Amino acid sequence: HPYPENLFEPRSWLDRSALPNPDSPRVTFKNLQVLRDTLRRPELLWNGHARSIILSEQGFHAADGEAGELNQAAGFVHAWNQVESLDGIDAFILHRHVDHEREGGLNLGLWTRKPGSIADPDRRRRIYDVFRAAGTPAQAAAFSFAQPLMDAGPRP
């Protein structure tokens, strides 16, 4: 699970401990190629082939407010682009379609949850439309907002 180094910060392109080399202390979406390249080392091959990678539980936190939802959606775009650019990744499965009250304060959903509920959907977030467009002809338009955020650096 290459979650961002800080689970409450979805902008993994800002991760400082995710280095682009094999001895990186952490693998996040910023340096996902390190995982792929590690599994291609000769001693890790299976019958001469690299093992496939399944990213089975990926989530991106949305802080309160418009900027938090924008950063969550941009975090997904960054992750999707990383996965799409690397061969050997067979699955990228989003964790949480709806926020869950008992997820340690994380808001990982495509939907907010109704107040007083554990995980009843309330309102779609920005990430909903981005997720829906991923892998479709609508992807470029839906993802276009994210690159300027990634280029801008650590501002909220």
N, C-alpha and C. Protein backbone atom coordinates (compact mmCIF):
# COMPACT_ATOMS: atom_id res chain seq x y z
N HIS A 1 0.84 -1.18 0.00
CA HIS A 1 0.00 0.00 0.00
C HIS A 1 0.89 1.25 0.00
N PRO A 2 1.11 1.86 -1.13
CA PRO A 2 1.98 3.04 -1.17
C PRO A 2 1.26 4.33 -0.78
N TYR A 3 0.67 4.32 0.42
CA TYR A 3 0.01 5.52 0.91
C TYR A 3 1.03 6.65 1.06
N PRO A 4 0.56 7.90 1.07
CA PRO A 4 1.48 9.01 1.33
C PRO A 4 2.15 8.84 2.70
N GLU A 5 3.32 9.44 2.88
CA GLU A 5 4.03 9.28 4.15
C GLU A 5 3.21 9.81 5.32
N ASN A 6 2.37 10.78 5.10
CA ASN A 6 1.44 11.27 6.11
C ASN A 6 0.04 10.96 5.58
N LEU A 7 -0.66 10.08 6.24
CA LEU A 7 -1.97 9.64 5.75
C LEU A 7 -2.96 10.79 5.61
N PHE A 8 -2.73 11.88 6.33
CA PHE A 8 -3.64 13.03 6.26
C PHE A 8 -3.23 14.04 5.19
N GLU A 9 -2.18 13.74 4.44
CA GLU A 9 -1.69 14.61 3.37
C GLU A 9 -1.73 13.83 2.05
N PRO A 10 -2.76 14.05 1.22
CA PRO A 10 -2.92 13.25 0.00
C PRO A 10 -1.95 13.61 -1.13
N ARG A 11 -1.22 14.71 -0.97
CA ARG A 11 -0.32 15.16 -2.03
C ARG A 11 1.03 14.44 -1.92
N SER A 12 1.04 13.17 -2.31
CA SER A 12 2.25 12.36 -2.13
C SER A 12 3.43 12.86 -2.94
N TRP A 13 3.20 13.71 -3.93
CA TRP A 13 4.34 14.27 -4.67
C TRP A 13 5.21 15.14 -3.77
N LEU A 14 4.70 15.49 -2.57
CA LEU A 14 5.48 16.28 -1.61
C LEU A 14 6.26 15.40 -0.62
N ASP A 15 6.05 14.10 -0.65
CA ASP A 15 6.70 13.20 0.31
C ASP A 15 8.21 13.37 0.28
N ARG A 16 8.80 13.52 1.44
CA ARG A 16 10.24 13.71 1.53
C ARG A 16 11.00 12.40 1.71
N SER A 17 10.36 11.40 2.29
CA SER A 17 11.07 10.15 2.55
C SER A 17 10.93 9.13 1.42
N ALA A 18 10.20 9.47 0.38
CA ALA A 18 10.03 8.57 -0.78
C ALA A 18 11.06 8.96 -1.83
N LEU A 19 12.21 8.32 -1.76
CA LEU A 19 13.34 8.65 -2.63
C LEU A 19 13.31 7.78 -3.89
N PRO A 20 13.93 8.24 -4.97
CA PRO A 20 13.87 7.49 -6.24
C PRO A 20 14.92 6.38 -6.36
N ASN A 21 15.43 5.89 -5.24
CA ASN A 21 16.47 4.86 -5.32
C ASN A 21 16.08 3.62 -4.54
N PRO A 22 16.76 2.49 -4.79
CA PRO A 22 16.38 1.21 -4.18
C PRO A 22 16.44 1.18 -2.66
N ASP A 23 17.24 2.03 -2.04
CA ASP A 23 17.31 2.01 -0.58
C ASP A 23 16.42 3.08 0.06
N SER A 24 15.41 3.51 -0.66
CA SER A 24 14.46 4.48 -0.13
C SER A 24 13.82 3.92 1.15
N PRO A 25 13.68 4.75 2.18
CA PRO A 25 13.05 4.26 3.40
C PRO A 25 11.55 4.01 3.26
N ARG A 26 10.95 4.52 2.18
CA ARG A 26 9.50 4.39 2.01
C ARG A 26 9.16 4.40 0.54
N VAL A 27 8.12 3.64 0.19
CA VAL A 27 7.57 3.69 -1.16
C VAL A 27 6.17 4.28 -1.06
N THR A 28 5.97 5.36 -1.79
CA THR A 28 4.65 5.98 -1.90
C THR A 28 4.38 6.15 -3.40
N PHE A 29 3.31 6.84 -3.73
CA PHE A 29 3.07 7.06 -5.16
C PHE A 29 4.13 7.96 -5.78
N LYS A 30 4.86 8.70 -4.98
CA LYS A 30 5.92 9.55 -5.52
C LYS A 30 7.03 8.74 -6.16
N ASN A 31 7.34 7.58 -5.59
CA ASN A 31 8.45 6.76 -6.10
C ASN A 31 8.01 5.31 -6.33
N LEU A 32 6.83 5.13 -6.84
CA LEU A 32 6.27 3.79 -7.05
C LEU A 32 7.15 2.91 -7.92
N GLN A 33 7.93 3.51 -8.80
CA GLN A 33 8.81 2.72 -9.66
C GLN A 33 9.83 1.92 -8.84
N VAL A 34 10.14 2.36 -7.62
CA VAL A 34 11.08 1.62 -6.77
C VAL A 34 10.52 0.23 -6.46
N LEU A 35 9.24 0.14 -6.17
CA LEU A 35 8.61 -1.17 -5.92
C LEU A 35 8.67 -2.03 -7.17
N ARG A 36 8.26 -1.46 -8.29
CA ARG A 36 8.28 -2.21 -9.54
C ARG A 36 9.68 -2.70 -9.88
N ASP A 37 10.67 -1.83 -9.75
CA ASP A 37 12.04 -2.19 -10.07
C ASP A 37 12.61 -3.23 -9.10
N THR A 38 12.22 -3.13 -7.84
CA THR A 38 12.67 -4.12 -6.84
C THR A 38 12.18 -5.51 -7.21
N LEU A 39 10.93 -5.60 -7.62
CA LEU A 39 10.38 -6.91 -7.97
C LEU A 39 10.95 -7.47 -9.26
N ARG A 40 11.71 -6.69 -9.97
CA ARG A 40 12.37 -7.16 -11.20
C ARG A 40 13.81 -7.63 -10.94
N ARG A 41 14.27 -7.53 -9.70
CA ARG A 41 15.62 -8.02 -9.39
C ARG A 41 15.65 -9.53 -9.60
N PRO A 42 16.74 -10.05 -10.15
CA PRO A 42 16.82 -11.49 -10.49
C PRO A 42 16.44 -12.42 -9.34
N GLU A 43 16.86 -12.11 -8.14
CA GLU A 43 16.58 -13.00 -7.01
C GLU A 43 15.11 -13.00 -6.59
N LEU A 44 14.32 -12.07 -7.12
CA LEU A 44 12.90 -12.00 -6.78
C LEU A 44 11.98 -12.47 -7.91
N LEU A 45 12.55 -12.88 -9.03
CA LEU A 45 11.73 -13.36 -10.15
C LEU A 45 11.12 -14.71 -9.80
N TRP A 46 9.99 -14.98 -10.40
CA TRP A 46 9.34 -16.28 -10.25
C TRP A 46 9.27 -16.91 -11.65
N ASN A 47 9.95 -18.03 -11.81
CA ASN A 47 10.04 -18.68 -13.12
C ASN A 47 10.51 -17.69 -14.20
N GLY A 48 11.43 -16.81 -13.81
CA GLY A 48 11.99 -15.88 -14.77
C GLY A 48 11.17 -14.63 -15.02
N HIS A 49 10.06 -14.47 -14.32
CA HIS A 49 9.17 -13.32 -14.54
C HIS A 49 8.99 -12.52 -13.25
N ALA A 50 8.84 -11.23 -13.43
CA ALA A 50 8.55 -10.37 -12.28
C ALA A 50 7.13 -10.64 -11.80
N ARG A 51 6.97 -10.59 -10.52
CA ARG A 51 5.63 -10.76 -9.94
C ARG A 51 4.78 -9.54 -10.27
N SER A 52 3.49 -9.77 -10.41
CA SER A 52 2.61 -8.64 -10.69
C SER A 52 2.35 -7.87 -9.40
N ILE A 53 1.93 -6.64 -9.55
CA ILE A 53 1.65 -5.77 -8.41
C ILE A 53 0.16 -5.46 -8.40
N ILE A 54 -0.43 -5.66 -7.24
CA ILE A 54 -1.84 -5.31 -7.04
C ILE A 54 -1.89 -4.30 -5.90
N LEU A 55 -2.28 -3.10 -6.20
CA LEU A 55 -2.44 -2.05 -5.20
C LEU A 55 -3.89 -2.13 -4.73
N SER A 56 -4.09 -2.88 -3.65
CA SER A 56 -5.43 -3.33 -3.30
C SER A 56 -6.18 -2.44 -2.33
N GLU A 57 -5.55 -1.42 -1.80
CA GLU A 57 -6.25 -0.59 -0.82
C GLU A 57 -5.62 0.78 -0.80
N GLN A 58 -6.01 1.62 -1.71
CA GLN A 58 -5.42 2.95 -1.82
C GLN A 58 -6.45 4.00 -1.49
N GLY A 59 -6.09 4.94 -0.65
CA GLY A 59 -7.01 5.98 -0.26
C GLY A 59 -6.32 7.32 -0.15
N PHE A 60 -7.11 8.37 -0.23
CA PHE A 60 -6.59 9.73 -0.22
C PHE A 60 -7.49 10.57 0.67
N HIS A 61 -6.90 11.15 1.70
CA HIS A 61 -7.65 11.91 2.70
C HIS A 61 -8.12 13.25 2.15
N ALA A 62 -9.32 13.64 2.55
CA ALA A 62 -9.85 14.97 2.23
C ALA A 62 -9.98 15.75 3.54
N ALA A 63 -9.15 16.77 3.70
CA ALA A 63 -9.33 17.68 4.83
C ALA A 63 -10.61 18.47 4.61
N ASP A 64 -11.12 19.08 5.65
CA ASP A 64 -12.34 19.87 5.53
C ASP A 64 -12.15 21.03 4.57
N GLY A 65 -13.18 21.33 3.83
CA GLY A 65 -13.18 22.49 2.96
C GLY A 65 -12.83 22.18 1.52
N GLU A 66 -12.97 23.20 0.70
CA GLU A 66 -12.76 23.06 -0.74
C GLU A 66 -11.31 22.67 -1.08
N ALA A 67 -10.34 23.29 -0.41
CA ALA A 67 -8.93 22.97 -0.68
C ALA A 67 -8.63 21.51 -0.33
N GLY A 68 -9.21 21.02 0.75
CA GLY A 68 -9.00 19.63 1.15
C GLY A 68 -9.53 18.66 0.11
N GLU A 69 -10.69 18.96 -0.44
CA GLU A 69 -11.27 18.09 -1.47
C GLU A 69 -10.50 18.19 -2.78
N LEU A 70 -10.01 19.36 -3.08
CA LEU A 70 -9.20 19.54 -4.28
C LEU A 70 -7.89 18.75 -4.16
N ASN A 71 -7.25 18.82 -3.00
CA ASN A 71 -6.01 18.07 -2.79
C ASN A 71 -6.25 16.56 -2.82
N GLN A 72 -7.37 16.11 -2.28
CA GLN A 72 -7.70 14.69 -2.33
C GLN A 72 -7.82 14.22 -3.78
N ALA A 73 -8.55 14.98 -4.57
CA ALA A 73 -8.73 14.62 -5.98
C ALA A 73 -7.41 14.66 -6.73
N ALA A 74 -6.59 15.66 -6.45
CA ALA A 74 -5.27 15.75 -7.09
C ALA A 74 -4.38 14.59 -6.66
N GLY A 75 -4.49 14.17 -5.40
CA GLY A 75 -3.73 13.01 -4.93
C GLY A 75 -4.09 11.76 -5.72
N PHE A 76 -5.37 11.59 -6.00
CA PHE A 76 -5.79 10.45 -6.82
C PHE A 76 -5.24 10.57 -8.23
N VAL A 77 -5.32 11.75 -8.82
CA VAL A 77 -4.80 11.96 -10.18
C VAL A 77 -3.31 11.61 -10.23
N HIS A 78 -2.55 12.10 -9.28
CA HIS A 78 -1.12 11.80 -9.23
C HIS A 78 -0.89 10.30 -9.17
N ALA A 79 -1.60 9.64 -8.28
CA ALA A 79 -1.45 8.19 -8.14
C ALA A 79 -1.83 7.46 -9.43
N TRP A 80 -2.96 7.84 -10.01
CA TRP A 80 -3.40 7.21 -11.26
C TRP A 80 -2.35 7.37 -12.35
N ASN A 81 -1.82 8.57 -12.46
CA ASN A 81 -0.81 8.82 -13.49
C ASN A 81 0.45 7.99 -13.26
N GLN A 82 0.84 7.83 -12.01
CA GLN A 82 2.01 7.00 -11.70
C GLN A 82 1.74 5.54 -12.10
N VAL A 83 0.59 5.04 -11.71
CA VAL A 83 0.24 3.65 -12.02
C VAL A 83 0.16 3.45 -13.53
N GLU A 84 -0.47 4.38 -14.21
CA GLU A 84 -0.65 4.28 -15.66
C GLU A 84 0.69 4.30 -16.40
N SER A 85 1.68 4.95 -15.82
CA SER A 85 2.98 5.08 -16.49
C SER A 85 3.90 3.88 -16.28
N LEU A 86 3.53 2.99 -15.38
CA LEU A 86 4.39 1.84 -15.05
C LEU A 86 3.75 0.54 -15.50
N ASP A 87 4.53 -0.29 -16.19
CA ASP A 87 4.02 -1.62 -16.51
C ASP A 87 4.23 -2.51 -15.29
N GLY A 88 3.49 -3.59 -15.23
CA GLY A 88 3.63 -4.53 -14.13
C GLY A 88 2.64 -4.33 -13.00
N ILE A 89 1.81 -3.30 -13.08
CA ILE A 89 0.79 -3.08 -12.05
C ILE A 89 -0.53 -3.55 -12.62
N ASP A 90 -1.08 -4.59 -12.02
CA ASP A 90 -2.29 -5.22 -12.56
C ASP A 90 -3.58 -4.68 -11.98
N ALA A 91 -3.52 -4.02 -10.83
CA ALA A 91 -4.74 -3.50 -10.23
C ALA A 91 -4.43 -2.29 -9.36
N PHE A 92 -5.37 -1.37 -9.35
CA PHE A 92 -5.30 -0.17 -8.52
C PHE A 92 -6.71 0.01 -7.97
N ILE A 93 -6.91 -0.40 -6.73
CA ILE A 93 -8.25 -0.45 -6.13
C ILE A 93 -8.38 0.63 -5.07
N LEU A 94 -9.36 1.50 -5.24
CA LEU A 94 -9.58 2.60 -4.30
C LEU A 94 -10.23 2.08 -3.02
N HIS A 95 -9.72 2.56 -1.90
CA HIS A 95 -10.28 2.22 -0.60
C HIS A 95 -11.20 3.34 -0.15
N ARG A 96 -12.41 3.02 0.04
CA ARG A 96 -13.45 3.87 0.58
C ARG A 96 -14.21 4.65 -0.48
N HIS A 97 -15.37 4.17 -0.73
CA HIS A 97 -16.28 4.93 -1.56
C HIS A 97 -17.02 5.96 -0.71
N VAL A 98 -17.17 5.67 0.59
CA VAL A 98 -17.83 6.58 1.52
C VAL A 98 -16.95 6.69 2.76
N ASP A 99 -16.81 7.90 3.29
CA ASP A 99 -16.07 8.08 4.54
C ASP A 99 -16.63 7.13 5.60
N HIS A 100 -15.77 6.71 6.51
CA HIS A 100 -16.18 5.81 7.59
C HIS A 100 -15.84 6.46 8.92
N GLU A 101 -16.81 6.48 9.80
CA GLU A 101 -16.64 7.14 11.09
C GLU A 101 -15.47 6.56 11.89
N ARG A 102 -15.19 5.29 11.72
CA ARG A 102 -14.18 4.60 12.53
C ARG A 102 -12.88 4.37 11.77
N GLU A 103 -12.50 5.34 10.95
CA GLU A 103 -11.28 5.21 10.14
C GLU A 103 -10.19 6.14 10.70
N GLY A 104 -10.22 6.38 12.00
CA GLY A 104 -9.16 7.14 12.65
C GLY A 104 -9.10 8.61 12.26
N GLY A 105 -10.21 9.17 11.84
CA GLY A 105 -10.24 10.58 11.45
C GLY A 105 -9.96 10.83 9.98
N LEU A 106 -9.61 9.78 9.24
CA LEU A 106 -9.38 9.93 7.81
C LEU A 106 -10.70 10.05 7.07
N ASN A 107 -10.72 10.87 6.05
CA ASN A 107 -11.88 11.02 5.16
C ASN A 107 -11.43 10.57 3.78
N LEU A 108 -11.56 9.29 3.51
CA LEU A 108 -11.02 8.69 2.29
C LEU A 108 -12.06 8.50 1.19
N GLY A 109 -13.28 8.86 1.43
CA GLY A 109 -14.35 8.52 0.51
C GLY A 109 -14.50 9.41 -0.70
N LEU A 110 -15.15 8.81 -1.72
CA LEU A 110 -15.63 9.58 -2.85
C LEU A 110 -16.83 10.42 -2.42
N TRP A 111 -17.45 9.96 -1.34
CA TRP A 111 -18.62 10.62 -0.74
C TRP A 111 -18.30 10.95 0.72
N THR A 112 -18.87 12.03 1.22
CA THR A 112 -18.86 12.29 2.66
C THR A 112 -19.89 11.33 3.27
N ARG A 113 -19.84 11.21 4.58
CA ARG A 113 -20.85 10.38 5.24
C ARG A 113 -21.86 11.27 5.94
N LYS A 114 -23.08 10.77 6.05
CA LYS A 114 -24.12 11.53 6.75
C LYS A 114 -23.74 11.67 8.21
N PRO A 115 -23.92 12.85 8.77
CA PRO A 115 -23.63 13.03 10.20
C PRO A 115 -24.43 12.03 11.03
N GLY A 116 -23.79 11.48 12.03
CA GLY A 116 -24.44 10.51 12.90
C GLY A 116 -24.44 9.09 12.38
N SER A 117 -23.99 8.89 11.15
CA SER A 117 -23.94 7.53 10.59
C SER A 117 -22.51 7.01 10.64
N ILE A 118 -22.36 5.73 10.42
CA ILE A 118 -21.02 5.15 10.33
C ILE A 118 -20.48 5.32 8.92
N ALA A 119 -21.31 5.04 7.91
CA ALA A 119 -20.82 5.16 6.53
C ALA A 119 -21.95 5.32 5.52
N ASP A 120 -23.00 6.03 5.88
CA ASP A 120 -24.06 6.30 4.92
C ASP A 120 -23.65 7.48 4.04
N PRO A 121 -23.75 7.34 2.70
CA PRO A 121 -23.31 8.42 1.82
C PRO A 121 -24.16 9.68 1.97
N ASP A 122 -23.50 10.83 1.88
CA ASP A 122 -24.19 12.10 2.01
C ASP A 122 -24.00 12.94 0.73
N ARG A 123 -22.76 13.37 0.46
CA ARG A 123 -22.48 14.28 -0.64
C ARG A 123 -21.25 13.80 -1.41
N ARG A 124 -21.35 13.89 -2.73
CA ARG A 124 -20.20 13.56 -3.56
C ARG A 124 -19.11 14.60 -3.38
N ARG A 125 -17.88 14.11 -3.38
CA ARG A 125 -16.72 15.02 -3.35
C ARG A 125 -16.19 15.22 -4.76
N ARG A 126 -15.26 16.14 -4.90
CA ARG A 126 -14.61 16.41 -6.19
C ARG A 126 -13.98 15.14 -6.76
N ILE A 127 -13.40 14.31 -5.91
CA ILE A 127 -12.75 13.08 -6.35
C ILE A 127 -13.73 12.13 -7.05
N TYR A 128 -15.01 12.23 -6.75
CA TYR A 128 -16.01 11.35 -7.37
C TYR A 128 -15.95 11.44 -8.89
N ASP A 129 -16.00 12.66 -9.41
CA ASP A 129 -16.00 12.85 -10.86
C ASP A 129 -14.65 12.49 -11.48
N VAL A 130 -13.59 12.74 -10.74
CA VAL A 130 -12.24 12.39 -11.22
C VAL A 130 -12.11 10.88 -11.31
N PHE A 131 -12.53 10.18 -10.27
CA PHE A 131 -12.49 8.72 -10.24
C PHE A 131 -13.35 8.14 -11.37
N ARG A 132 -14.51 8.70 -11.55
CA ARG A 132 -15.44 8.23 -12.58
C ARG A 132 -14.84 8.37 -13.98
N ALA A 133 -14.07 9.42 -14.22
CA ALA A 133 -13.50 9.69 -15.54
C ALA A 133 -12.21 8.92 -15.81
N ALA A 134 -11.57 8.41 -14.76
CA ALA A 134 -10.29 7.73 -14.92
C ALA A 134 -10.43 6.56 -15.89
N GLY A 135 -9.51 6.50 -16.86
CA GLY A 135 -9.51 5.41 -17.82
C GLY A 135 -10.54 5.53 -18.92
N THR A 136 -11.18 6.68 -19.03
CA THR A 136 -12.20 6.91 -20.07
C THR A 136 -11.74 8.07 -20.96
N PRO A 137 -12.45 8.32 -22.06
CA PRO A 137 -12.11 9.48 -22.88
C PRO A 137 -12.23 10.82 -22.14
N ALA A 138 -12.96 10.86 -21.04
CA ALA A 138 -13.14 12.08 -20.27
C ALA A 138 -11.98 12.34 -19.30
N GLN A 139 -11.02 11.43 -19.24
CA GLN A 139 -9.95 11.54 -18.24
C GLN A 139 -9.15 12.83 -18.36
N ALA A 140 -8.69 13.19 -19.54
CA ALA A 140 -7.83 14.37 -19.69
C ALA A 140 -8.52 15.62 -19.16
N ALA A 141 -9.77 15.82 -19.48
CA ALA A 141 -10.49 17.00 -19.01
C ALA A 141 -10.69 16.97 -17.50
N ALA A 142 -11.03 15.80 -16.98
CA ALA A 142 -11.28 15.67 -15.54
C ALA A 142 -10.01 15.82 -14.71
N PHE A 143 -8.88 15.42 -15.28
CA PHE A 143 -7.60 15.46 -14.56
C PHE A 143 -6.87 16.79 -14.72
N SER A 144 -7.30 17.64 -15.62
CA SER A 144 -6.51 18.82 -16.01
C SER A 144 -6.26 19.81 -14.86
N PHE A 145 -7.11 19.85 -13.87
CA PHE A 145 -6.95 20.77 -12.74
C PHE A 145 -5.73 20.43 -11.89
N ALA A 146 -5.29 19.17 -11.91
CA ALA A 146 -4.32 18.68 -10.94
C ALA A 146 -2.88 19.11 -11.21
N GLN A 147 -2.46 19.17 -12.45
CA GLN A 147 -1.05 19.48 -12.75
C GLN A 147 -0.62 20.83 -12.18
N PRO A 148 -1.42 21.88 -12.32
CA PRO A 148 -1.00 23.15 -11.70
C PRO A 148 -0.82 23.04 -10.18
N LEU A 149 -1.64 22.23 -9.52
CA LEU A 149 -1.47 22.03 -8.06
C LEU A 149 -0.16 21.31 -7.78
N MET A 150 0.17 20.30 -8.58
CA MET A 150 1.41 19.56 -8.38
C MET A 150 2.62 20.45 -8.66
N ASP A 151 2.51 21.32 -9.63
CA ASP A 151 3.61 22.21 -9.97
C ASP A 151 3.79 23.32 -8.93
N ALA A 152 2.73 23.66 -8.21
CA ALA A 152 2.76 24.78 -7.28
C ALA A 152 3.52 24.47 -5.99
N GLY A 153 3.70 23.20 -5.66
CA GLY A 153 4.42 22.85 -4.45
C GLY A 153 3.52 22.73 -3.25
N PRO A 154 4.05 22.99 -2.06
CA PRO A 154 3.35 22.64 -0.82
C PRO A 154 2.25 23.57 -0.36
N ARG A 155 1.91 24.59 -1.13
CA ARG A 155 0.84 25.47 -0.66
C ARG A 155 -0.47 24.70 -0.52
N PRO A 156 -1.33 25.07 0.45
CA PRO A 156 -2.61 24.35 0.66
C PRO A 156 -3.59 24.53 -0.47
